[in-house]
């Protein structure tokens, strides 16, 4: 019995931080159950960074290393770069012939990001940005994926993809499945300063961070501002470090809360314990990363994944061209 097909991808906008960790762990957990295609979607990086002179090749290598270090196995899944599989672009073009503009304009992230990035002086009134959900639909459907692991914020995009698949099938015949969203548990971690975790804010802990960097970033974490002395009663619900403890020290979170509220552990010691807990999680990833960094392994992984992806995508385009009479 053939396995169901999964597709997912990430834009290469910088090294991944621990806020991304649960997403990649979710991908890795699917490898034995599904036929998985995971793409570094470099064309998507250009939708908002077309004029930023992005070092895409370096960023592609960095994100691929992060994926491999967390546990993606090229023997079990296809890891590749979107732009190396031209069928993504062809299917996007064909979809654009019958997709109403109103479908694209109603997607929540379109207006949200136009407004948000407009405040930063970024003009996004470009077709590439308007049309990126359609390219995303082509990314998924070119493999005739039946499922897409996503966070809840991506559900409108998956529903849009399903609409595109339905419209094609109604016009030209039953070619595409309507992919289902696989909702993973993606904890929302703040940055060390309480804002959104982002490399640009210098408040993120990279997946590849060495021990010293983890300790330095953890020391900067915002804790209870009302707590002046070590033995003052604390309020863990307002503490950034506590939000991280919920994930990295989950097995003793009640004990940590009681010690904080009872003034039995100070913020400095609390953050030292947190740094050690985070380091225990990331240490195996650093070891695996060192293996994949050696020699030309990254190039080999991407080349092999590209071959598998091209083969699958080419079969889909043969069917699509025949259905459309091309």
C-alpha atoms as a PDB file:
ATOM      1  CA  UNK A   1       0.000   0.000   0.000  1.00  0.00           C
ATOM      2  CA  UNK A   2       1.490   3.351  -1.044  1.00  0.00           C
ATOM      3  CA  UNK A   3       2.023   5.989   1.598  1.00  0.00           C
ATOM      4  CA  UNK A   4       0.221   9.320   1.557  1.00  0.00           C
ATOM      5  CA  UNK A   5       2.230  12.290   0.303  1.00  0.00           C
ATOM      6  CA  UNK A   6       3.240  15.319   2.366  1.00  0.00           C
ATOM      7  CA  UNK A   7       4.714  18.605   1.214  1.00  0.00           C
ATOM      8  CA  UNK A   8       5.978  21.492   3.291  1.00  0.00           C
ATOM      9  CA  UNK A   9       8.608  24.192   2.986  1.00  0.00           C
ATOM     10  CA  UNK A  10      10.358  27.145   4.606  1.00  0.00           C
ATOM     11  CA  UNK A  11      11.739  30.362   3.220  1.00  0.00           C
ATOM     12  CA  UNK A  12      15.533  30.751   3.529  1.00  0.00           C
ATOM     13  CA  UNK A  13      15.537  34.041   5.401  1.00  0.00           C
ATOM     14  CA  UNK A  14      18.190  33.143   7.979  1.00  0.00           C
ATOM     15  CA  UNK A  15      19.362  30.384  10.326  1.00  0.00           C
ATOM     16  CA  UNK A  16      16.528  28.790  12.276  1.00  0.00           C
ATOM     17  CA  UNK A  17      16.008  29.540  15.955  1.00  0.00           C
ATOM     18  CA  UNK A  18      14.373  27.447  18.651  1.00  0.00           C
ATOM     19  CA  UNK A  19      11.012  29.010  17.854  1.00  0.00           C
ATOM     20  CA  UNK A  20      11.124  26.957  14.634  1.00  0.00           C
ATOM     21  CA  UNK A  21      12.238  23.778  16.377  1.00  0.00           C
ATOM     22  CA  UNK A  22       8.848  22.170  16.944  1.00  0.00           C
ATOM     23  CA  UNK A  23       7.960  22.642  13.254  1.00  0.00           C
ATOM     24  CA  UNK A  24      11.017  20.730  12.033  1.00  0.00           C
ATOM     25  CA  UNK A  25      10.562  18.098  14.747  1.00  0.00           C
ATOM     26  CA  UNK A  26       6.992  17.647  13.478  1.00  0.00           C
ATOM     27  CA  UNK A  27       8.323  17.138   9.939  1.00  0.00           C
ATOM     28  CA  UNK A  28      10.862  14.582  11.137  1.00  0.00           C
ATOM     29  CA  UNK A  29       8.156  12.680  13.006  1.00  0.00           C
ATOM     30  CA  UNK A  30       6.231  12.176   9.736  1.00  0.00           C
ATOM     31  CA  UNK A  31       9.081  10.581   7.751  1.00  0.00           C
ATOM     32  CA  UNK A  32       8.260   6.961   8.486  1.00  0.00           C
ATOM     33  CA  UNK A  33       4.518   7.373   7.973  1.00  0.00           C
ATOM     34  CA  UNK A  34       4.363   9.516   4.819  1.00  0.00           C
ATOM     35  CA  UNK A  35       6.202  10.099   1.551  1.00  0.00           C
ATOM     36  CA  UNK A  36       7.645  13.512   2.384  1.00  0.00           C
ATOM     37  CA  UNK A  37       8.825  16.389   0.197  1.00  0.00           C
ATOM     38  CA  UNK A  38      10.452  19.270   2.075  1.00  0.00           C
ATOM     39  CA  UNK A  39      11.556  22.303   0.059  1.00  0.00           C
ATOM     40  CA  UNK A  40      13.671  25.332   0.760  1.00  0.00           C
ATOM     41  CA  UNK A  41      11.316  27.753  -0.998  1.00  0.00           C
ATOM     42  CA  UNK A  42      13.788  30.332  -2.283  1.00  0.00           C
ATOM     43  CA  UNK A  43      11.364  31.945  -4.759  1.00  0.00           C
ATOM     44  CA  UNK A  44       9.105  32.749  -1.819  1.00  0.00           C
ATOM     45  CA  UNK A  45      11.979  34.592  -0.128  1.00  0.00           C
ATOM     46  CA  UNK A  46      11.966  37.004  -3.068  1.00  0.00           C
ATOM     47  CA  UNK A  47       8.306  37.948  -2.603  1.00  0.00           C
ATOM     48  CA  UNK A  48       9.263  40.301   0.238  1.00  0.00           C
ATOM     49  CA  UNK A  49      13.046  40.470  -0.282  1.00  0.00           C
ATOM     50  CA  UNK A  50      13.296  41.036  -4.033  1.00  0.00           C
ATOM     51  CA  UNK A  51      15.352  44.223  -3.530  1.00  0.00           C
ATOM     52  CA  UNK A  52      17.393  43.150  -0.499  1.00  0.00           C
ATOM     53  CA  UNK A  53      20.307  41.432  -2.268  1.00  0.00           C
ATOM     54  CA  UNK A  54      19.678  38.265  -0.231  1.00  0.00           C
ATOM     55  CA  UNK A  55      22.594  35.771  -0.117  1.00  0.00           C
ATOM     56  CA  UNK A  56      20.207  32.970  -1.041  1.00  0.00           C
ATOM     57  CA  UNK A  57      22.778  30.237  -1.667  1.00  0.00           C
ATOM     58  CA  UNK A  58      24.312  30.690   1.772  1.00  0.00           C
ATOM     59  CA  UNK A  59      20.898  30.809   3.402  1.00  0.00           C
ATOM     60  CA  UNK A  60      19.752  27.671   1.561  1.00  0.00           C
ATOM     61  CA  UNK A  61      22.779  25.815   2.924  1.00  0.00           C
ATOM     62  CA  UNK A  62      22.170  27.141   6.450  1.00  0.00           C
ATOM     63  CA  UNK A  63      18.512  26.110   6.615  1.00  0.00           C
ATOM     64  CA  UNK A  64      19.274  22.694   5.103  1.00  0.00           C
ATOM     65  CA  UNK A  65      21.888  22.119   7.811  1.00  0.00           C
ATOM     66  CA  UNK A  66      19.355  23.094  10.460  1.00  0.00           C
ATOM     67  CA  UNK A  67      16.819  20.605   9.076  1.00  0.00           C
ATOM     68  CA  UNK A  68      19.332  17.776   8.941  1.00  0.00           C
ATOM     69  CA  UNK A  69      20.648  18.525  12.401  1.00  0.00           C
ATOM     70  CA  UNK A  70      17.156  18.305  13.912  1.00  0.00           C
ATOM     71  CA  UNK A  71      16.521  14.941  12.279  1.00  0.00           C
ATOM     72  CA  UNK A  72      15.309  15.106   8.688  1.00  0.00           C
ATOM     73  CA  UNK A  73      16.738  12.002   7.030  1.00  0.00           C
ATOM     74  CA  UNK A  74      17.474  12.212   3.275  1.00  0.00           C
ATOM     75  CA  UNK A  75      17.007   8.456   3.084  1.00  0.00           C
ATOM     76  CA  UNK A  76      13.409   8.900   4.244  1.00  0.00           C
ATOM     77  CA  UNK A  77      12.385  12.233   2.687  1.00  0.00           C
ATOM     78  CA  UNK A  78      13.211  14.438  -0.297  1.00  0.00           C
ATOM     79  CA  UNK A  79      15.002  17.661   0.676  1.00  0.00           C
ATOM     80  CA  UNK A  80      15.489  20.096  -2.176  1.00  0.00           C
ATOM     81  CA  UNK A  81      15.469  23.711  -3.354  1.00  0.00           C
ATOM     82  CA  UNK A  82      12.232  24.961  -4.901  1.00  0.00           C
ATOM     83  CA  UNK A  83      13.868  26.817  -7.817  1.00  0.00           C
ATOM     84  CA  UNK A  84      15.697  23.651  -8.905  1.00  0.00           C
ATOM     85  CA  UNK A  85      12.364  22.053  -9.825  1.00  0.00           C
ATOM     86  CA  UNK A  86      10.980  24.230 -12.629  1.00  0.00           C
ATOM     87  CA  UNK A  87       7.651  22.405 -12.640  1.00  0.00           C
ATOM     88  CA  UNK A  88       6.667  24.516  -9.606  1.00  0.00           C
ATOM     89  CA  UNK A  89       6.817  27.614 -11.825  1.00  0.00           C
ATOM     90  CA  UNK A  90       4.980  25.986 -14.736  1.00  0.00           C
ATOM     91  CA  UNK A  91       2.117  24.791 -12.567  1.00  0.00           C
ATOM     92  CA  UNK A  92       1.911  28.214 -10.924  1.00  0.00           C
ATOM     93  CA  UNK A  93       1.608  29.793 -14.388  1.00  0.00           C
ATOM     94  CA  UNK A  94      -1.133  27.371 -15.446  1.00  0.00           C
ATOM     95  CA  UNK A  95      -3.043  27.929 -12.196  1.00  0.00           C
ATOM     96  CA  UNK A  96      -2.826  31.698 -12.736  1.00  0.00           C
ATOM     97  CA  UNK A  97      -4.927  31.361 -15.902  1.00  0.00           C
ATOM     98  CA  UNK A  98      -8.076  30.477 -13.943  1.00  0.00           C
ATOM     99  CA  UNK A  99      -7.548  31.858 -10.426  1.00  0.00           C
ATOM    100  CA  UNK A 100      -9.623  34.986  -9.686  1.00  0.00           C
ATOM    101  CA  UNK A 101      -7.734  37.956  -8.248  1.00  0.00           C
ATOM    102  CA  UNK A 102     -10.396  38.253  -5.555  1.00  0.00           C
ATOM    103  CA  UNK A 103      -9.322  34.863  -4.155  1.00  0.00           C
ATOM    104  CA  UNK A 104      -5.807  36.174  -3.639  1.00  0.00           C
ATOM    105  CA  UNK A 105      -6.854  39.535  -2.235  1.00  0.00           C
ATOM    106  CA  UNK A 106      -9.045  38.026   0.478  1.00  0.00           C
ATOM    107  CA  UNK A 107      -6.257  35.921   2.069  1.00  0.00           C
ATOM    108  CA  UNK A 108      -5.690  37.470   5.530  1.00  0.00           C
ATOM    109  CA  UNK A 109      -1.889  37.565   5.394  1.00  0.00           C
ATOM    110  CA  UNK A 110      -1.925  39.621   2.174  1.00  0.00           C
ATOM    111  CA  UNK A 111      -3.550  42.690   3.716  1.00  0.00           C
ATOM    112  CA  UNK A 112      -1.865  42.142   7.086  1.00  0.00           C
ATOM    113  CA  UNK A 113       1.639  42.108   5.649  1.00  0.00           C
ATOM    114  CA  UNK A 114       0.967  44.935   3.203  1.00  0.00           C
ATOM    115  CA  UNK A 115      -0.015  47.029   6.219  1.00  0.00           C
ATOM    116  CA  UNK A 116       2.701  45.742   8.556  1.00  0.00           C
ATOM    117  CA  UNK A 117       5.631  46.028   6.141  1.00  0.00           C
ATOM    118  CA  UNK A 118       4.259  49.255   4.715  1.00  0.00           C
ATOM    119  CA  UNK A 119       4.998  50.841   8.077  1.00  0.00           C
ATOM    120  CA  UNK A 120       8.631  49.839   7.524  1.00  0.00           C
ATOM    121  CA  UNK A 121       8.724  51.579   4.159  1.00  0.00           C
ATOM    122  CA  UNK A 122       8.437  48.344   2.152  1.00  0.00           C
ATOM    123  CA  UNK A 123       6.336  48.492  -1.021  1.00  0.00           C
ATOM    124  CA  UNK A 124       4.741  45.088  -1.576  1.00  0.00           C
ATOM    125  CA  UNK A 125       2.286  46.037  -4.306  1.00  0.00           C
ATOM    126  CA  UNK A 126       3.875  43.470  -6.630  1.00  0.00           C
ATOM    127  CA  UNK A 127       2.331  40.501  -8.416  1.00  0.00           C
ATOM    128  CA  UNK A 128       4.865  38.173  -6.782  1.00  0.00           C
ATOM    129  CA  UNK A 129       3.570  39.078  -3.337  1.00  0.00           C
ATOM    130  CA  UNK A 130      -0.091  39.033  -4.332  1.00  0.00           C
ATOM    131  CA  UNK A 131       0.399  35.701  -6.082  1.00  0.00           C
ATOM    132  CA  UNK A 132       2.565  33.909  -3.542  1.00  0.00           C
ATOM    133  CA  UNK A 133      -0.350  31.862  -2.113  1.00  0.00           C
ATOM    134  CA  UNK A 134      -0.920  30.538  -5.638  1.00  0.00           C
ATOM    135  CA  UNK A 135       2.750  29.608  -5.947  1.00  0.00           C
ATOM    136  CA  UNK A 136       2.378  27.936  -2.554  1.00  0.00           C
ATOM    137  CA  UNK A 137      -0.598  25.970  -3.896  1.00  0.00           C
ATOM    138  CA  UNK A 138       1.508  24.897  -6.891  1.00  0.00           C
ATOM    139  CA  UNK A 139       4.314  23.845  -4.511  1.00  0.00           C
ATOM    140  CA  UNK A 140       1.896  21.516  -2.743  1.00  0.00           C
ATOM    141  CA  UNK A 141      -0.128  20.240  -5.677  1.00  0.00           C
ATOM    142  CA  UNK A 142       2.783  19.577  -8.026  1.00  0.00           C
ATOM    143  CA  UNK A 143       3.437  16.524  -5.803  1.00  0.00           C
ATOM    144  CA  UNK A 144      -0.297  15.832  -5.479  1.00  0.00           C
ATOM    145  CA  UNK A 145       0.237  16.059  -1.737  1.00  0.00           C
ATOM    146  CA  UNK A 146      -2.621  14.856   0.410  1.00  0.00           C
ATOM    147  CA  UNK A 147      -1.469  16.530   3.618  1.00  0.00           C
ATOM    148  CA  UNK A 148       0.507  19.581   4.696  1.00  0.00           C
ATOM    149  CA  UNK A 149       1.930  19.966   8.225  1.00  0.00           C
ATOM    150  CA  UNK A 150       1.255  23.577   9.249  1.00  0.00           C
ATOM    151  CA  UNK A 151       0.498  25.831  12.168  1.00  0.00           C
ATOM    152  CA  UNK A 152      -2.993  27.255  12.613  1.00  0.00           C
ATOM    153  CA  UNK A 153      -1.958  30.583  11.059  1.00  0.00           C
ATOM    154  CA  UNK A 154      -1.491  28.811   7.716  1.00  0.00           C
ATOM    155  CA  UNK A 155      -4.997  27.321   7.552  1.00  0.00           C
ATOM    156  CA  UNK A 156      -6.324  30.022   5.151  1.00  0.00           C
ATOM    157  CA  UNK A 157      -3.520  29.120   2.739  1.00  0.00           C
ATOM    158  CA  UNK A 158      -4.400  25.428   2.841  1.00  0.00           C
ATOM    159  CA  UNK A 159      -8.070  26.196   2.240  1.00  0.00           C
ATOM    160  CA  UNK A 160      -7.055  28.387  -0.710  1.00  0.00           C
ATOM    161  CA  UNK A 161      -4.970  25.483  -2.074  1.00  0.00           C
ATOM    162  CA  UNK A 162      -7.987  23.205  -1.763  1.00  0.00           C
ATOM    163  CA  UNK A 163     -10.098  25.726  -3.709  1.00  0.00           C
ATOM    164  CA  UNK A 164      -7.514  25.843  -6.500  1.00  0.00           C
ATOM    165  CA  UNK A 165      -7.469  22.034  -6.663  1.00  0.00           C
ATOM    166  CA  UNK A 166     -11.297  21.936  -6.807  1.00  0.00           C
ATOM    167  CA  UNK A 167     -11.437  24.547  -9.555  1.00  0.00           C
ATOM    168  CA  UNK A 168      -8.882  22.690 -11.677  1.00  0.00           C
ATOM    169  CA  UNK A 169     -10.700  19.391 -11.178  1.00  0.00           C
ATOM    170  CA  UNK A 170     -14.036  20.950 -12.120  1.00  0.00           C
ATOM    171  CA  UNK A 171     -12.576  22.538 -15.247  1.00  0.00           C
ATOM    172  CA  UNK A 172     -10.296  19.785 -16.515  1.00  0.00           C
ATOM    173  CA  UNK A 173     -10.987  16.547 -14.669  1.00  0.00           C
ATOM    174  CA  UNK A 174      -9.992  14.878 -11.401  1.00  0.00           C
ATOM    175  CA  UNK A 175      -6.215  15.353 -11.179  1.00  0.00           C
ATOM    176  CA  UNK A 176      -5.511  16.804  -7.741  1.00  0.00           C
ATOM    177  CA  UNK A 177      -6.405  15.720  -4.208  1.00  0.00           C
ATOM    178  CA  UNK A 178      -7.660  18.376  -1.814  1.00  0.00           C
ATOM    179  CA  UNK A 179      -4.842  18.414   0.753  1.00  0.00           C
ATOM    180  CA  UNK A 180      -5.626  18.318   4.451  1.00  0.00           C
ATOM    181  CA  UNK A 181      -3.833  20.396   7.075  1.00  0.00           C
ATOM    182  CA  UNK A 182      -1.892  18.444   9.673  1.00  0.00           C
ATOM    183  CA  UNK A 183      -1.941  20.779  12.644  1.00  0.00           C
ATOM    184  CA  UNK A 184       1.127  20.351  14.801  1.00  0.00           C
ATOM    185  CA  UNK A 185       1.597  21.654  18.321  1.00  0.00           C
ATOM    186  CA  UNK A 186       3.717  24.740  17.722  1.00  0.00           C
ATOM    187  CA  UNK A 187       4.377  26.521  21.023  1.00  0.00           C
ATOM    188  CA  UNK A 188       4.682  30.276  20.634  1.00  0.00           C
ATOM    189  CA  UNK A 189       7.975  31.198  22.262  1.00  0.00           C
ATOM    190  CA  UNK A 190       8.712  34.878  22.818  1.00  0.00           C
ATOM    191  CA  UNK A 191      12.149  36.335  22.275  1.00  0.00           C
ATOM    192  CA  UNK A 192      14.462  36.732  25.237  1.00  0.00           C
ATOM    193  CA  UNK A 193      13.197  40.323  25.631  1.00  0.00           C
ATOM    194  CA  UNK A 194       9.516  39.369  25.526  1.00  0.00           C
ATOM    195  CA  UNK A 195       8.943  40.528  21.931  1.00  0.00           C
ATOM    196  CA  UNK A 196       8.459  38.198  18.973  1.00  0.00           C
ATOM    197  CA  UNK A 197      11.507  35.966  18.578  1.00  0.00           C
ATOM    198  CA  UNK A 198      13.467  37.231  15.583  1.00  0.00           C
ATOM    199  CA  UNK A 199      17.076  37.291  14.464  1.00  0.00           C
ATOM    200  CA  UNK A 200      16.632  40.953  13.526  1.00  0.00           C
ATOM    201  CA  UNK A 201      15.746  41.775  17.157  1.00  0.00           C
ATOM    202  CA  UNK A 202      18.828  39.899  18.448  1.00  0.00           C
ATOM    203  CA  UNK A 203      16.530  38.101  20.890  1.00  0.00           C
ATOM    204  CA  UNK A 204      16.618  34.587  19.437  1.00  0.00           C
ATOM    205  CA  UNK A 205      18.492  31.422  20.353  1.00  0.00           C
ATOM    206  CA  UNK A 206      19.675  29.702  17.187  1.00  0.00           C
ATOM    207  CA  UNK A 207      19.230  25.953  16.809  1.00  0.00           C
ATOM    208  CA  UNK A 208      22.977  25.813  16.099  1.00  0.00           C
ATOM    209  CA  UNK A 209      23.900  27.998  19.097  1.00  0.00           C
ATOM    210  CA  UNK A 210      26.910  26.791  21.135  1.00  0.00           C
ATOM    211  CA  UNK A 211      26.649  26.463  24.915  1.00  0.00           C
ATOM    212  CA  UNK A 212      28.183  29.887  25.611  1.00  0.00           C
ATOM    213  CA  UNK A 213      25.695  31.626  23.323  1.00  0.00           C
ATOM    214  CA  UNK A 214      22.753  29.817  24.921  1.00  0.00           C
ATOM    215  CA  UNK A 215      23.963  30.926  28.354  1.00  0.00           C
ATOM    216  CA  UNK A 216      24.462  34.529  27.208  1.00  0.00           C
ATOM    217  CA  UNK A 217      21.018  34.761  25.582  1.00  0.00           C
ATOM    218  CA  UNK A 218      19.324  33.160  28.576  1.00  0.00           C
ATOM    219  CA  UNK A 219      20.977  35.624  30.975  1.00  0.00           C
ATOM    220  CA  UNK A 220      19.307  38.437  28.988  1.00  0.00           C
ATOM    221  CA  UNK A 221      15.822  37.028  29.462  1.00  0.00           C
ATOM    222  CA  UNK A 222      13.272  39.319  31.031  1.00  0.00           C
ATOM    223  CA  UNK A 223      12.066  38.046  34.391  1.00  0.00           C
ATOM    224  CA  UNK A 224       9.620  39.324  37.042  1.00  0.00           C
ATOM    225  CA  UNK A 225      10.204  43.112  37.282  1.00  0.00           C
ATOM    226  CA  UNK A 226       8.583  43.216  40.736  1.00  0.00           C
ATOM    227  CA  UNK A 227      11.152  40.825  42.179  1.00  0.00           C
ATOM    228  CA  UNK A 228      14.039  42.831  43.673  1.00  0.00           C
ATOM    229  CA  UNK A 229      15.704  40.347  46.028  1.00  0.00           C
ATOM    230  CA  UNK A 230      16.428  36.660  45.513  1.00  0.00           C
ATOM    231  CA  UNK A 231      14.019  35.535  48.252  1.00  0.00           C
ATOM    232  CA  UNK A 232      11.167  37.823  47.170  1.00  0.00           C
ATOM    233  CA  UNK A 233       8.081  35.860  46.043  1.00  0.00           C
ATOM    234  CA  UNK A 234       8.032  35.638  42.248  1.00  0.00           C
ATOM    235  CA  UNK A 235       5.272  35.688  39.651  1.00  0.00           C
ATOM    236  CA  UNK A 236       6.168  33.066  37.017  1.00  0.00           C
ATOM    237  CA  UNK A 237       3.185  33.962  34.838  1.00  0.00           C
ATOM    238  CA  UNK A 238       4.879  37.267  33.845  1.00  0.00           C
ATOM    239  CA  UNK A 239       8.378  35.816  33.406  1.00  0.00           C
ATOM    240  CA  UNK A 240       9.810  35.115  29.936  1.00  0.00           C
ATOM    241  CA  UNK A 241      12.176  32.479  31.334  1.00  0.00           C
ATOM    242  CA  UNK A 242       9.205  30.592  32.768  1.00  0.00           C
ATOM    243  CA  UNK A 243       7.609  30.351  29.295  1.00  0.00           C
ATOM    244  CA  UNK A 244      10.756  28.556  28.128  1.00  0.00           C
ATOM    245  CA  UNK A 245      10.789  26.327  31.211  1.00  0.00           C
ATOM    246  CA  UNK A 246       7.297  25.112  30.240  1.00  0.00           C
ATOM    247  CA  UNK A 247       8.879  23.505  27.174  1.00  0.00           C
ATOM    248  CA  UNK A 248      12.432  22.680  28.223  1.00  0.00           C
ATOM    249  CA  UNK A 249      11.730  21.755  31.864  1.00  0.00           C
ATOM    250  CA  UNK A 250       8.180  20.482  31.431  1.00  0.00           C
ATOM    251  CA  UNK A 251       8.721  17.454  33.689  1.00  0.00           C
ATOM    252  CA  UNK A 252       9.323  19.692  36.739  1.00  0.00           C
ATOM    253  CA  UNK A 253       7.344  22.799  35.860  1.00  0.00           C
ATOM    254  CA  UNK A 254       5.114  22.649  38.969  1.00  0.00           C
ATOM    255  CA  UNK A 255       8.162  22.418  41.210  1.00  0.00           C
ATOM    256  CA  UNK A 256       9.751  25.390  39.427  1.00  0.00           C
ATOM    257  CA  UNK A 257       6.579  27.461  39.818  1.00  0.00           C
ATOM    258  CA  UNK A 258       6.367  26.669  43.536  1.00  0.00           C
ATOM    259  CA  UNK A 259      10.049  27.517  44.106  1.00  0.00           C
ATOM    260  CA  UNK A 260       9.635  30.821  42.269  1.00  0.00           C
ATOM    261  CA  UNK A 261       6.488  31.830  44.133  1.00  0.00           C
ATOM    262  CA  UNK A 262       8.056  30.773  47.437  1.00  0.00           C
ATOM    263  CA  UNK A 263      11.250  32.749  46.830  1.00  0.00           C
ATOM    264  CA  UNK A 264      13.344  29.584  47.083  1.00  0.00           C
ATOM    265  CA  UNK A 265      15.231  30.126  43.831  1.00  0.00           C
ATOM    266  CA  UNK A 266      16.468  33.409  42.405  1.00  0.00           C
ATOM    267  CA  UNK A 267      16.165  34.576  38.817  1.00  0.00           C
ATOM    268  CA  UNK A 268      19.888  34.112  38.143  1.00  0.00           C
ATOM    269  CA  UNK A 269      19.865  30.463  39.210  1.00  0.00           C
ATOM    270  CA  UNK A 270      16.561  29.898  37.430  1.00  0.00           C
ATOM    271  CA  UNK A 271      18.051  31.135  34.150  1.00  0.00           C
ATOM    272  CA  UNK A 272      21.220  29.041  34.653  1.00  0.00           C
ATOM    273  CA  UNK A 273      19.031  25.951  35.023  1.00  0.00           C
ATOM    274  CA  UNK A 274      17.075  26.944  31.912  1.00  0.00           C
ATOM    275  CA  UNK A 275      20.248  27.415  29.861  1.00  0.00           C
ATOM    276  CA  UNK A 276      21.391  23.917  30.870  1.00  0.00           C
ATOM    277  CA  UNK A 277      18.005  22.449  29.899  1.00  0.00           C
ATOM    278  CA  UNK A 278      18.039  24.133  26.476  1.00  0.00           C
ATOM    279  CA  UNK A 279      21.628  23.054  25.907  1.00  0.00           C
ATOM    280  CA  UNK A 280      20.745  19.416  26.635  1.00  0.00           C
ATOM    281  CA  UNK A 281      18.145  19.553  23.845  1.00  0.00           C
ATOM    282  CA  UNK A 282      20.378  21.302  21.304  1.00  0.00           C
ATOM    283  CA  UNK A 283      23.643  19.420  21.974  1.00  0.00           C
ATOM    284  CA  UNK A 284      22.717  16.352  19.844  1.00  0.00           C
ATOM    285  CA  UNK A 285      21.708  18.690  17.011  1.00  0.00           C
ATOM    286  CA  UNK A 286      25.132  20.338  17.085  1.00  0.00           C
ATOM    287  CA  UNK A 287      26.798  16.923  16.827  1.00  0.00           C
ATOM    288  CA  UNK A 288      24.615  15.886  13.897  1.00  0.00           C
ATOM    289  CA  UNK A 289      25.234  19.250  12.243  1.00  0.00           C
ATOM    290  CA  UNK A 290      29.006  18.689  12.367  1.00  0.00           C
ATOM    291  CA  UNK A 291      28.533  15.440  10.437  1.00  0.00           C
ATOM    292  CA  UNK A 292      26.460  17.060   7.687  1.00  0.00           C
ATOM    293  CA  UNK A 293      28.792  20.052   7.379  1.00  0.00           C
ATOM    294  CA  UNK A 294      31.696  17.813   6.410  1.00  0.00           C
ATOM    295  CA  UNK A 295      32.730  17.400   2.779  1.00  0.00           C
ATOM    296  CA  UNK A 296      30.069  17.894   0.136  1.00  0.00           C
ATOM    297  CA  UNK A 297      27.235  16.205   1.997  1.00  0.00           C
ATOM    298  CA  UNK A 298      24.803  19.137   1.736  1.00  0.00           C
ATOM    299  CA  UNK A 299      25.274  19.330  -2.021  1.00  0.00           C
ATOM    300  CA  UNK A 300      24.687  15.579  -2.309  1.00  0.00           C
ATOM    301  CA  UNK A 301      21.520  15.712  -0.177  1.00  0.00           C
ATOM    302  CA  UNK A 302      20.003  18.546  -2.225  1.00  0.00           C
ATOM    303  CA  UNK A 303      20.942  16.920  -5.543  1.00  0.00           C
ATOM    304  CA  UNK A 304      19.354  13.604  -4.552  1.00  0.00           C
ATOM    305  CA  UNK A 305      16.233  15.318  -3.224  1.00  0.00           C
ATOM    306  CA  UNK A 306      15.988  17.425  -6.374  1.00  0.00           C
ATOM    307  CA  UNK A 307      16.088  14.311  -8.578  1.00  0.00           C
ATOM    308  CA  UNK A 308      13.274  12.659  -6.624  1.00  0.00           C
ATOM    309  CA  UNK A 309      11.208  15.845  -6.605  1.00  0.00           C
ATOM    310  CA  UNK A 310      11.704  16.461 -10.329  1.00  0.00           C
ATOM    311  CA  UNK A 311      10.615  12.927 -11.161  1.00  0.00           C
ATOM    312  CA  UNK A 312       7.400  13.269  -9.156  1.00  0.00           C
ATOM    313  CA  UNK A 313       6.677  16.809 -10.391  1.00  0.00           C
ATOM    314  CA  UNK A 314       7.285  15.880 -14.038  1.00  0.00           C
ATOM    315  CA  UNK A 315       4.694  13.085 -13.790  1.00  0.00           C
ATOM    316  CA  UNK A 316       2.135  15.545 -12.437  1.00  0.00           C
ATOM    317  CA  UNK A 317       2.801  18.052 -15.223  1.00  0.00           C
ATOM    318  CA  UNK A 318       2.366  15.348 -17.861  1.00  0.00           C
ATOM    319  CA  UNK A 319      -1.101  14.660 -16.457  1.00  0.00           C
ATOM    320  CA  UNK A 320      -1.907  18.374 -16.154  1.00  0.00           C
ATOM    321  CA  UNK A 321      -0.848  19.189 -19.724  1.00  0.00           C
ATOM    322  CA  UNK A 322      -2.914  16.315 -21.085  1.00  0.00           C
ATOM    323  CA  UNK A 323      -5.950  17.377 -19.029  1.00  0.00           C
ATOM    324  CA  UNK A 324      -5.661  20.971 -20.306  1.00  0.00           C
ATOM    325  CA  UNK A 325      -5.100  19.896 -23.901  1.00  0.00           C
ATOM    326  CA  UNK A 326      -1.548  21.271 -24.081  1.00  0.00           C
END
